[in-house]
N, C-alpha and C. Protein backbone atom coordinates (compact mmCIF):
# COMPACT_ATOMS: atom_id res chain seq x y z
N MET A 1 -8.93 22.72 -10.62
CA MET A 1 -8.75 23.69 -9.55
C MET A 1 -7.45 24.46 -9.82
N THR A 2 -7.49 25.76 -9.70
CA THR A 2 -6.31 26.58 -9.95
C THR A 2 -5.87 27.25 -8.67
N ALA A 3 -4.55 27.40 -8.54
CA ALA A 3 -4.02 28.08 -7.36
C ALA A 3 -4.13 29.57 -7.55
N THR A 4 -4.45 30.26 -6.47
CA THR A 4 -4.53 31.71 -6.56
C THR A 4 -3.16 32.31 -6.29
N ARG A 5 -2.93 33.40 -6.94
CA ARG A 5 -1.65 34.09 -6.76
C ARG A 5 -1.63 34.75 -5.38
N PRO A 6 -0.58 34.57 -4.58
CA PRO A 6 -0.56 35.17 -3.25
C PRO A 6 -0.55 36.69 -3.32
N THR A 7 -1.21 37.30 -2.37
CA THR A 7 -1.21 38.76 -2.30
C THR A 7 0.14 39.23 -1.78
N GLY A 8 0.35 40.53 -1.79
CA GLY A 8 1.59 41.08 -1.28
C GLY A 8 1.82 40.70 0.18
N TYR A 9 0.73 40.73 0.98
CA TYR A 9 0.84 40.36 2.39
C TYR A 9 1.21 38.88 2.53
N GLY A 10 0.56 38.04 1.70
CA GLY A 10 0.84 36.61 1.75
C GLY A 10 2.28 36.31 1.41
N LYS A 11 2.82 37.02 0.40
CA LYS A 11 4.22 36.83 0.01
C LYS A 11 5.15 37.19 1.16
N CYS A 12 4.87 38.34 1.80
CA CYS A 12 5.73 38.80 2.90
C CYS A 12 5.71 37.80 4.05
N ALA A 13 4.50 37.31 4.37
CA ALA A 13 4.39 36.35 5.47
C ALA A 13 5.16 35.07 5.14
N PHE A 14 5.02 34.61 3.88
CA PHE A 14 5.71 33.39 3.46
C PHE A 14 7.22 33.57 3.54
N LEU A 15 7.72 34.69 3.02
CA LEU A 15 9.16 34.93 3.04
C LEU A 15 9.68 35.07 4.47
N PHE A 16 8.89 35.69 5.36
CA PHE A 16 9.28 35.83 6.76
C PHE A 16 9.41 34.46 7.42
N LEU A 17 8.41 33.60 7.19
CA LEU A 17 8.45 32.26 7.77
C LEU A 17 9.60 31.44 7.21
N LEU A 18 9.85 31.58 5.90
CA LEU A 18 10.96 30.86 5.28
C LEU A 18 12.30 31.31 5.87
N ALA A 19 12.47 32.63 6.00
CA ALA A 19 13.71 33.16 6.56
C ALA A 19 13.88 32.69 8.00
N GLY A 20 12.78 32.69 8.76
CA GLY A 20 12.84 32.22 10.16
C GLY A 20 13.24 30.77 10.25
N SER A 21 12.68 29.94 9.39
CA SER A 21 13.01 28.51 9.44
C SER A 21 14.46 28.28 9.03
N LEU A 22 14.96 29.04 8.07
CA LEU A 22 16.36 28.90 7.67
C LEU A 22 17.29 29.34 8.79
N PHE A 23 16.88 30.40 9.53
CA PHE A 23 17.69 30.87 10.65
C PHE A 23 17.78 29.79 11.72
N VAL A 24 16.64 29.19 12.05
CA VAL A 24 16.63 28.15 13.07
C VAL A 24 17.45 26.96 12.63
N GLN A 25 17.34 26.57 11.33
CA GLN A 25 18.13 25.46 10.84
C GLN A 25 19.61 25.77 10.93
N GLY A 26 19.97 27.01 10.66
CA GLY A 26 21.38 27.39 10.73
C GLY A 26 21.92 27.35 12.15
N GLN A 27 21.02 27.49 13.17
CA GLN A 27 21.45 27.51 14.56
C GLN A 27 21.50 26.12 15.18
N GLY A 28 20.97 25.11 14.52
CA GLY A 28 20.95 23.77 15.09
C GLY A 28 19.53 23.33 15.35
N PRO A 29 19.36 22.12 15.91
CA PRO A 29 18.02 21.56 16.06
C PRO A 29 17.14 22.31 17.04
N ASP A 30 17.71 22.89 18.08
CA ASP A 30 16.92 23.65 19.05
C ASP A 30 17.85 24.46 19.92
N MET A 31 17.52 25.72 20.14
CA MET A 31 18.39 26.59 20.93
C MET A 31 18.37 26.25 22.42
N GLY A 32 17.41 25.44 22.85
CA GLY A 32 17.27 25.18 24.28
C GLY A 32 18.04 23.99 24.82
N TRP A 33 18.61 23.14 23.97
CA TRP A 33 19.30 21.96 24.47
C TRP A 33 20.59 22.34 25.20
N ARG A 34 20.80 21.71 26.36
CA ARG A 34 22.01 21.96 27.15
C ARG A 34 22.55 20.62 27.67
N TYR A 35 23.86 20.46 27.60
CA TYR A 35 24.53 19.28 28.13
C TYR A 35 24.79 19.55 29.61
N SER A 36 23.97 18.96 30.48
CA SER A 36 23.88 19.39 31.86
C SER A 36 24.18 18.28 32.86
N VAL A 37 24.52 18.70 34.09
CA VAL A 37 24.65 17.78 35.21
C VAL A 37 23.26 17.57 35.80
N LEU A 38 22.86 16.30 35.92
CA LEU A 38 21.53 15.96 36.42
C LEU A 38 21.64 14.85 37.45
N PRO A 39 20.62 14.73 38.33
CA PRO A 39 20.65 13.61 39.28
C PRO A 39 20.52 12.28 38.56
N SER A 40 21.23 11.28 39.04
CA SER A 40 21.31 10.01 38.31
C SER A 40 20.01 9.20 38.32
N PHE A 41 19.07 9.51 39.23
CA PHE A 41 17.83 8.74 39.24
C PHE A 41 16.97 9.02 38.01
N ILE A 42 17.29 10.08 37.25
CA ILE A 42 16.51 10.41 36.06
C ILE A 42 16.78 9.42 34.92
N ARG A 43 18.04 9.16 34.63
CA ARG A 43 18.48 8.18 33.62
C ARG A 43 17.78 8.26 32.27
N PRO A 44 17.92 9.37 31.53
CA PRO A 44 17.38 9.39 30.17
C PRO A 44 18.12 8.41 29.27
N SER A 45 17.56 8.14 28.10
CA SER A 45 18.15 7.12 27.22
C SER A 45 19.55 7.50 26.74
N GLN A 46 19.81 8.79 26.58
CA GLN A 46 21.14 9.25 26.17
C GLN A 46 21.77 9.98 27.37
N SER A 47 22.65 9.31 28.07
CA SER A 47 23.32 9.94 29.22
C SER A 47 24.75 9.44 29.31
N ASP A 48 25.58 10.20 30.01
CA ASP A 48 26.98 9.84 30.20
C ASP A 48 27.29 9.84 31.69
N GLU A 49 28.22 8.97 32.08
CA GLU A 49 28.66 8.92 33.47
C GLU A 49 29.63 10.06 33.76
N ILE A 50 29.64 10.52 35.00
CA ILE A 50 30.68 11.42 35.50
C ILE A 50 31.66 10.53 36.24
N PRO A 51 32.94 10.51 35.88
CA PRO A 51 33.89 9.61 36.52
C PRO A 51 33.83 9.69 38.05
N GLY A 52 33.64 8.54 38.69
CA GLY A 52 33.62 8.47 40.15
C GLY A 52 32.31 8.84 40.80
N SER A 53 31.35 9.34 40.06
CA SER A 53 30.10 9.80 40.66
C SER A 53 29.11 8.65 40.84
N SER A 54 28.40 8.70 41.97
CA SER A 54 27.35 7.71 42.23
C SER A 54 25.96 8.33 42.22
N THR A 55 25.88 9.66 42.17
CA THR A 55 24.57 10.32 42.26
C THR A 55 24.25 11.24 41.09
N SER A 56 25.19 11.43 40.16
CA SER A 56 24.99 12.40 39.09
C SER A 56 25.39 11.83 37.74
N ILE A 57 24.76 12.35 36.69
CA ILE A 57 25.07 11.98 35.31
C ILE A 57 25.13 13.24 34.47
N LEU A 58 25.51 13.08 33.21
CA LEU A 58 25.46 14.14 32.22
C LEU A 58 24.44 13.74 31.16
N ALA A 59 23.57 14.67 30.80
CA ALA A 59 22.58 14.39 29.77
C ALA A 59 22.16 15.70 29.11
N VAL A 60 21.61 15.59 27.91
CA VAL A 60 21.14 16.76 27.18
C VAL A 60 19.66 16.96 27.50
N ALA A 61 19.33 18.16 27.94
CA ALA A 61 17.94 18.47 28.31
C ALA A 61 17.60 19.88 27.88
N ARG A 62 16.31 20.18 27.90
CA ARG A 62 15.86 21.56 27.68
C ARG A 62 14.66 21.82 28.57
N ASP A 63 14.45 23.09 28.86
CA ASP A 63 13.34 23.50 29.71
C ASP A 63 12.04 23.41 28.92
N SER A 64 11.10 22.61 29.42
CA SER A 64 9.80 22.52 28.75
C SER A 64 8.72 23.27 29.51
N GLY A 65 9.10 24.04 30.51
CA GLY A 65 8.16 24.89 31.24
C GLY A 65 7.65 24.25 32.52
N TYR A 66 7.24 25.09 33.46
CA TYR A 66 6.64 24.66 34.73
C TYR A 66 7.55 23.73 35.53
N GLY A 67 8.85 23.96 35.43
CA GLY A 67 9.80 23.15 36.19
C GLY A 67 10.13 21.81 35.58
N GLU A 68 9.56 21.50 34.44
CA GLU A 68 9.80 20.21 33.80
C GLU A 68 10.93 20.31 32.77
N LEU A 69 11.66 19.22 32.60
CA LEU A 69 12.71 19.15 31.59
C LEU A 69 12.36 18.07 30.58
N GLU A 70 12.77 18.31 29.35
CA GLU A 70 12.64 17.32 28.28
C GLU A 70 14.05 16.83 27.96
N TYR A 71 14.22 15.53 27.72
CA TYR A 71 15.53 14.95 27.51
C TYR A 71 15.73 14.52 26.07
N ALA A 72 16.90 14.82 25.53
CA ALA A 72 17.21 14.46 24.15
C ALA A 72 17.37 12.95 24.04
N THR A 73 17.03 12.43 22.88
CA THR A 73 17.11 10.98 22.66
C THR A 73 18.09 10.61 21.55
N THR A 74 18.82 11.59 21.02
CA THR A 74 19.76 11.31 19.93
C THR A 74 21.16 11.78 20.27
N ARG A 75 22.15 11.12 19.71
CA ARG A 75 23.53 11.55 19.90
C ARG A 75 23.80 12.88 19.20
N GLY A 76 23.06 13.14 18.13
CA GLY A 76 23.22 14.41 17.42
C GLY A 76 22.93 15.59 18.33
N ALA A 77 21.91 15.47 19.16
CA ALA A 77 21.57 16.55 20.09
C ALA A 77 22.70 16.77 21.08
N LYS A 78 23.35 15.68 21.51
CA LYS A 78 24.47 15.80 22.44
C LYS A 78 25.63 16.54 21.79
N ARG A 79 25.93 16.17 20.55
CA ARG A 79 27.02 16.84 19.83
C ARG A 79 26.72 18.32 19.64
N TRP A 80 25.47 18.60 19.27
CA TRP A 80 25.09 20.00 19.05
C TRP A 80 25.14 20.79 20.35
N ALA A 81 24.67 20.18 21.47
CA ALA A 81 24.68 20.88 22.76
C ALA A 81 26.10 21.18 23.21
N ARG A 82 27.03 20.28 22.93
CA ARG A 82 28.43 20.54 23.28
C ARG A 82 29.00 21.70 22.46
N GLU A 83 28.63 21.75 21.20
CA GLU A 83 29.09 22.85 20.35
C GLU A 83 28.53 24.18 20.86
N ARG A 84 27.25 24.19 21.29
CA ARG A 84 26.66 25.42 21.81
C ARG A 84 27.36 25.85 23.10
N ALA A 85 27.74 24.86 23.93
CA ALA A 85 28.45 25.18 25.17
C ALA A 85 29.79 25.84 24.87
N THR A 86 30.46 25.37 23.83
CA THR A 86 31.73 25.97 23.43
C THR A 86 31.53 27.40 22.95
N GLN A 87 30.47 27.63 22.20
CA GLN A 87 30.21 28.95 21.63
C GLN A 87 29.61 29.92 22.65
N ASP A 88 28.69 29.42 23.50
CA ASP A 88 27.90 30.31 24.36
C ASP A 88 28.26 30.26 25.83
N GLY A 89 29.23 29.43 26.22
CA GLY A 89 29.55 29.29 27.64
C GLY A 89 29.87 30.61 28.32
N SER A 90 30.63 31.48 27.67
CA SER A 90 30.96 32.77 28.26
C SER A 90 29.72 33.62 28.48
N ILE A 91 28.77 33.55 27.57
CA ILE A 91 27.52 34.31 27.70
C ILE A 91 26.73 33.80 28.89
N TRP A 92 26.65 32.46 29.05
CA TRP A 92 25.93 31.90 30.20
C TRP A 92 26.55 32.40 31.50
N LEU A 93 27.87 32.44 31.56
CA LEU A 93 28.56 32.90 32.77
C LEU A 93 28.31 34.38 33.04
N MET A 94 28.30 35.18 31.98
CA MET A 94 28.05 36.61 32.15
C MET A 94 26.62 36.90 32.59
N ASP A 95 25.68 36.03 32.20
CA ASP A 95 24.28 36.21 32.58
C ASP A 95 23.99 35.76 34.01
N ALA A 96 24.88 34.97 34.61
CA ALA A 96 24.67 34.48 35.97
C ALA A 96 25.17 35.51 36.99
N HIS A 97 24.70 35.36 38.22
CA HIS A 97 25.18 36.20 39.33
C HIS A 97 26.36 35.47 39.98
N VAL A 98 27.53 36.10 39.98
CA VAL A 98 28.74 35.50 40.53
C VAL A 98 29.20 36.33 41.73
N GLU A 99 29.28 35.66 42.88
CA GLU A 99 29.64 36.33 44.14
C GLU A 99 30.94 35.75 44.68
N PHE A 100 31.89 36.61 45.02
CA PHE A 100 33.19 36.19 45.52
C PHE A 100 33.28 36.43 47.03
N ARG A 101 33.87 35.47 47.73
CA ARG A 101 34.19 35.69 49.15
C ARG A 101 35.70 35.59 49.29
N ARG A 102 36.30 36.59 49.92
CA ARG A 102 37.76 36.65 50.06
C ARG A 102 38.15 36.70 51.53
N ASP A 103 39.39 36.27 51.83
CA ASP A 103 39.88 36.37 53.20
C ASP A 103 40.50 37.74 53.44
N GLU A 104 41.09 37.92 54.59
CA GLU A 104 41.65 39.24 54.94
C GLU A 104 42.80 39.64 54.02
N ASN A 105 43.39 38.67 53.33
CA ASN A 105 44.47 38.97 52.38
C ASN A 105 43.97 39.08 50.94
N ARG A 106 42.64 39.14 50.77
CA ARG A 106 41.99 39.28 49.47
C ARG A 106 42.13 38.03 48.60
N VAL A 107 42.48 36.91 49.21
CA VAL A 107 42.55 35.64 48.49
C VAL A 107 41.14 35.06 48.40
N ILE A 108 40.77 34.58 47.24
CA ILE A 108 39.41 34.04 47.05
C ILE A 108 39.27 32.71 47.81
N GLU A 109 38.26 32.67 48.69
CA GLU A 109 37.97 31.46 49.46
C GLU A 109 36.81 30.66 48.85
N HIS A 110 35.94 31.36 48.14
CA HIS A 110 34.67 30.73 47.73
C HIS A 110 34.04 31.58 46.63
N ILE A 111 33.47 30.92 45.64
CA ILE A 111 32.70 31.62 44.61
C ILE A 111 31.33 30.96 44.54
N LEU A 112 30.29 31.77 44.58
CA LEU A 112 28.93 31.27 44.50
C LEU A 112 28.29 31.80 43.22
N ILE A 113 27.78 30.89 42.40
CA ILE A 113 27.13 31.26 41.13
C ILE A 113 25.65 30.89 41.24
N THR A 114 24.78 31.85 40.97
CA THR A 114 23.34 31.59 41.00
C THR A 114 22.70 32.15 39.74
N ALA A 115 21.60 31.51 39.33
CA ALA A 115 20.85 31.96 38.15
C ALA A 115 19.47 31.33 38.20
N ASP A 116 18.52 31.93 37.48
CA ASP A 116 17.17 31.39 37.43
C ASP A 116 17.03 30.26 36.40
N ASP A 117 18.03 30.06 35.57
CA ASP A 117 17.99 29.06 34.52
C ASP A 117 17.97 27.65 35.12
N PRO A 118 16.95 26.82 34.84
CA PRO A 118 16.91 25.47 35.40
C PRO A 118 18.01 24.55 34.87
N LEU A 119 18.70 24.99 33.81
CA LEU A 119 19.80 24.20 33.25
C LEU A 119 21.14 24.91 33.40
N MET A 120 21.27 25.70 34.47
CA MET A 120 22.53 26.42 34.65
C MET A 120 23.70 25.48 34.89
N SER A 121 23.44 24.23 35.32
CA SER A 121 24.54 23.30 35.53
C SER A 121 25.29 23.00 34.23
N ALA A 122 24.69 23.35 33.09
CA ALA A 122 25.37 23.16 31.80
C ALA A 122 26.63 24.01 31.70
N MET A 123 26.68 25.11 32.44
CA MET A 123 27.85 25.99 32.30
C MET A 123 29.12 25.30 32.80
N VAL A 124 29.02 24.32 33.71
CA VAL A 124 30.24 23.67 34.19
C VAL A 124 30.85 22.79 33.12
N MET A 125 30.09 22.46 32.08
CA MET A 125 30.60 21.64 30.98
C MET A 125 31.11 22.50 29.82
N ALA A 126 30.98 23.81 29.93
CA ALA A 126 31.46 24.71 28.88
C ALA A 126 32.96 24.95 29.07
N PRO A 127 33.76 24.93 28.01
CA PRO A 127 35.19 25.21 28.16
C PRO A 127 35.47 26.53 28.88
N ALA A 128 34.62 27.53 28.67
CA ALA A 128 34.83 28.83 29.30
C ALA A 128 34.79 28.75 30.81
N PHE A 129 34.04 27.81 31.37
CA PHE A 129 33.92 27.67 32.83
C PHE A 129 35.30 27.42 33.44
N TYR A 130 36.01 26.44 32.92
CA TYR A 130 37.34 26.14 33.45
C TYR A 130 38.31 27.28 33.15
N GLU A 131 38.21 27.84 31.97
CA GLU A 131 39.11 28.92 31.58
C GLU A 131 38.93 30.15 32.47
N TRP A 132 37.71 30.44 32.89
CA TRP A 132 37.44 31.59 33.75
C TRP A 132 37.94 31.38 35.17
N PHE A 133 37.65 30.21 35.76
CA PHE A 133 37.83 30.05 37.20
C PHE A 133 39.14 29.37 37.59
N GLU A 134 39.79 28.64 36.69
CA GLU A 134 41.06 28.00 37.04
C GLU A 134 42.13 29.02 37.45
N PRO A 135 42.28 30.18 36.76
CA PRO A 135 43.28 31.15 37.19
C PRO A 135 43.01 31.71 38.59
N MET A 136 41.74 31.74 39.01
CA MET A 136 41.38 32.29 40.32
C MET A 136 41.50 31.26 41.44
N LEU A 137 41.15 30.00 41.13
CA LEU A 137 41.03 28.98 42.17
C LEU A 137 42.08 27.87 42.08
N GLY A 138 42.82 27.82 40.99
CA GLY A 138 43.84 26.80 40.83
C GLY A 138 43.31 25.57 40.13
N ASP A 139 44.24 24.75 39.67
CA ASP A 139 43.90 23.55 38.93
C ASP A 139 43.07 22.60 39.79
N GLY A 140 42.03 22.00 39.19
CA GLY A 140 41.23 21.01 39.89
C GLY A 140 40.38 21.57 41.00
N PHE A 141 39.95 22.82 40.87
CA PHE A 141 39.11 23.43 41.93
C PHE A 141 37.83 22.63 42.12
N HIS A 142 37.26 22.75 43.33
CA HIS A 142 36.06 21.98 43.69
C HIS A 142 34.78 22.66 43.20
N VAL A 143 33.84 21.84 42.76
CA VAL A 143 32.55 22.30 42.25
C VAL A 143 31.45 21.52 42.97
N ILE A 144 30.48 22.26 43.53
CA ILE A 144 29.33 21.63 44.19
C ILE A 144 28.07 22.21 43.56
N ILE A 145 27.15 21.33 43.15
CA ILE A 145 25.91 21.75 42.48
C ILE A 145 24.72 21.18 43.27
N PRO A 146 24.33 21.83 44.37
CA PRO A 146 23.28 21.26 45.21
C PRO A 146 21.89 21.25 44.58
N ASP A 147 21.63 22.26 43.74
CA ASP A 147 20.32 22.32 43.09
C ASP A 147 20.45 22.98 41.72
N ARG A 148 19.32 23.14 41.04
CA ARG A 148 19.34 23.67 39.67
C ARG A 148 19.85 25.10 39.56
N ASN A 149 19.80 25.85 40.64
CA ASN A 149 20.09 27.28 40.56
C ASN A 149 21.34 27.70 41.31
N THR A 150 22.15 26.75 41.77
CA THR A 150 23.31 27.08 42.61
C THR A 150 24.53 26.26 42.22
N ILE A 151 25.66 26.93 42.08
CA ILE A 151 26.95 26.27 41.90
C ILE A 151 27.94 26.94 42.85
N ALA A 152 28.61 26.15 43.67
CA ALA A 152 29.61 26.69 44.60
C ALA A 152 30.99 26.18 44.21
N LEU A 153 31.98 27.06 44.24
CA LEU A 153 33.35 26.72 43.85
C LEU A 153 34.31 27.01 45.00
N TYR A 154 35.29 26.12 45.17
CA TYR A 154 36.30 26.27 46.23
C TYR A 154 37.66 25.86 45.68
N PRO A 155 38.73 26.54 46.14
CA PRO A 155 40.08 26.09 45.75
C PRO A 155 40.37 24.72 46.35
N ARG A 156 40.77 23.76 45.56
CA ARG A 156 41.03 22.41 46.07
C ARG A 156 42.24 22.40 47.00
N LEU A 157 43.23 23.21 46.70
CA LEU A 157 44.46 23.21 47.49
C LEU A 157 44.26 23.83 48.88
N ALA A 158 43.11 24.50 49.09
CA ALA A 158 42.83 25.07 50.41
C ALA A 158 42.40 24.00 51.41
N GLY A 159 42.14 22.78 50.92
CA GLY A 159 41.73 21.70 51.82
C GLY A 159 40.25 21.41 51.71
N GLU A 160 39.66 20.94 52.79
CA GLU A 160 38.26 20.56 52.80
C GLU A 160 37.35 21.80 52.72
N ILE A 161 36.11 21.56 52.31
CA ILE A 161 35.11 22.62 52.30
C ILE A 161 34.87 23.04 53.75
N PRO A 162 34.85 24.34 54.07
CA PRO A 162 34.60 24.76 55.45
C PRO A 162 33.30 24.14 55.98
N PRO A 163 33.30 23.64 57.23
CA PRO A 163 32.13 22.92 57.77
C PRO A 163 30.83 23.71 57.69
N GLU A 164 30.90 25.02 57.96
CA GLU A 164 29.66 25.82 57.90
C GLU A 164 29.12 25.91 56.48
N ASP A 165 30.02 25.96 55.49
CA ASP A 165 29.60 25.99 54.09
C ASP A 165 29.03 24.63 53.69
N ALA A 166 29.69 23.55 54.11
CA ALA A 166 29.21 22.21 53.78
C ALA A 166 27.81 22.00 54.33
N THR A 167 27.56 22.47 55.55
CA THR A 167 26.23 22.34 56.17
C THR A 167 25.19 23.12 55.38
N ALA A 168 25.54 24.35 54.99
CA ALA A 168 24.59 25.19 54.25
C ALA A 168 24.28 24.60 52.88
N LEU A 169 25.31 24.08 52.19
CA LEU A 169 25.10 23.49 50.86
C LEU A 169 24.31 22.19 50.94
N LEU A 170 24.58 21.40 51.99
CA LEU A 170 23.83 20.16 52.18
C LEU A 170 22.36 20.46 52.47
N GLU A 171 22.12 21.52 53.24
CA GLU A 171 20.74 21.92 53.52
C GLU A 171 20.04 22.40 52.25
N LEU A 172 20.76 23.13 51.40
CA LEU A 172 20.20 23.54 50.11
C LEU A 172 19.77 22.33 49.30
N TYR A 173 20.64 21.32 49.28
CA TYR A 173 20.35 20.09 48.53
C TYR A 173 19.11 19.38 49.10
N GLN A 174 19.05 19.28 50.42
CA GLN A 174 17.97 18.54 51.07
C GLN A 174 16.62 19.24 50.93
N LEU A 175 16.62 20.57 50.89
CA LEU A 175 15.37 21.32 50.84
C LEU A 175 14.97 21.71 49.41
N ALA A 176 15.83 21.42 48.44
CA ALA A 176 15.57 21.86 47.06
C ALA A 176 14.37 21.15 46.45
N THR A 177 13.58 21.90 45.70
CA THR A 177 12.51 21.29 44.91
C THR A 177 13.10 20.43 43.81
N TYR A 178 14.22 20.90 43.24
CA TYR A 178 14.91 20.17 42.17
C TYR A 178 16.38 20.00 42.56
N PRO A 179 16.70 19.02 43.42
CA PRO A 179 18.10 18.83 43.82
C PRO A 179 18.92 18.24 42.68
N ILE A 180 20.22 18.49 42.72
CA ILE A 180 21.14 17.90 41.73
C ILE A 180 22.04 16.86 42.43
N SER A 181 22.92 17.32 43.33
CA SER A 181 23.87 16.38 43.92
C SER A 181 24.47 16.96 45.20
N ARG A 182 24.84 16.06 46.11
CA ARG A 182 25.59 16.48 47.29
C ARG A 182 27.06 16.07 47.17
N GLU A 183 27.45 15.69 45.97
CA GLU A 183 28.85 15.33 45.73
C GLU A 183 29.71 16.57 45.52
N VAL A 184 30.98 16.41 45.82
CA VAL A 184 31.99 17.43 45.54
C VAL A 184 32.74 16.95 44.31
N PHE A 185 32.75 17.78 43.27
CA PHE A 185 33.43 17.43 42.02
C PHE A 185 34.73 18.20 41.90
N ARG A 186 35.66 17.61 41.16
CA ARG A 186 36.89 18.30 40.80
C ARG A 186 36.77 18.76 39.36
N ALA A 187 36.96 20.05 39.12
CA ALA A 187 36.88 20.58 37.76
C ALA A 187 38.12 20.21 36.97
N GLN A 188 37.90 19.85 35.72
CA GLN A 188 38.99 19.52 34.80
C GLN A 188 38.72 20.22 33.48
N PRO A 189 39.73 20.39 32.64
CA PRO A 189 39.50 21.07 31.35
C PRO A 189 38.40 20.42 30.52
N GLY A 190 38.21 19.11 30.63
CA GLY A 190 37.19 18.44 29.83
C GLY A 190 35.89 18.17 30.55
N GLY A 191 35.76 18.59 31.81
CA GLY A 191 34.52 18.33 32.53
C GLY A 191 34.74 18.18 34.02
N LEU A 192 34.11 17.15 34.63
CA LEU A 192 34.13 16.97 36.08
C LEU A 192 34.56 15.55 36.43
N GLN A 193 35.05 15.42 37.68
CA GLN A 193 35.32 14.11 38.25
C GLN A 193 34.90 14.17 39.72
N ALA A 194 34.17 13.18 40.20
CA ALA A 194 33.74 13.16 41.59
C ALA A 194 34.95 13.07 42.50
N ASP A 195 34.92 13.84 43.62
CA ASP A 195 36.08 13.91 44.50
C ASP A 195 35.70 13.80 45.97
N GLY A 196 34.43 13.47 46.25
CA GLY A 196 33.99 13.37 47.64
C GLY A 196 32.50 13.63 47.73
N ILE A 197 32.01 13.72 48.97
CA ILE A 197 30.58 13.93 49.16
C ILE A 197 30.37 14.75 50.43
N LEU A 198 29.37 15.62 50.41
CA LEU A 198 29.07 16.43 51.59
C LEU A 198 28.45 15.55 52.66
N GLU A 199 28.92 15.70 53.89
CA GLU A 199 28.41 14.91 55.02
C GLU A 199 27.80 15.83 56.07
N ASP A 200 26.86 15.29 56.83
CA ASP A 200 26.29 16.05 57.97
C ASP A 200 27.37 16.27 59.01
C-alpha cells in the first residue's frame, strides 16, 4: 500500500491545524482554566483553603457550558491558571462592569463589579485586582462574592458594611442559582482572608 501525496488543499489544512495546535500548546493546557473562589461544598480533588473561611475554597475550574463547571485535577493546571491570572487579570477587570458609589465628598463608599463570566471570582486572585483597588479603598479592603456574577468592595477602615447593603447582598446570595459565599473577605496582595460573615 502506498501513501498518496497530499493535494495543495490537504497541505494547507494540515499546516493550519499544526499551527493551531502549536499556538494552543504555547498558551498552556487550556485557555479556560481559572483559579477561582468557589463554595466549599463542591470540594474538587485539587483545592486550597482560604484562611479563616468556613464556606469558601479556591480551586481551578473552567466553564463547560449550561452553567456547569469542570474542575482541574492536577497541580500543573493550578500553576498555569495562576500565571494566566497574572498576565490577564487587568483584561478581566476591563471586561467587567465596574460601578462606583461615592458620598457627598466624592469619597468612594462602595464598588460593585458585575460580569456574565461564571468564573469572574477568579479576578480577585489576580495581582491586578489588589493593585487596582487598594489605592481607592485602602489596605485590606473588604470583598464580598455572593454569587458567580457579583463582587462587592468596601473600604475596611470605613467600618461595617452598611446594613441596607448587607441585606441586599445576603438576598443575592440566598436567591442565586449559583451562590458563592456570604462571607466578608479582606483583600491582601496574595489573595483573600475571611474577616466576617453577612447576617440577617
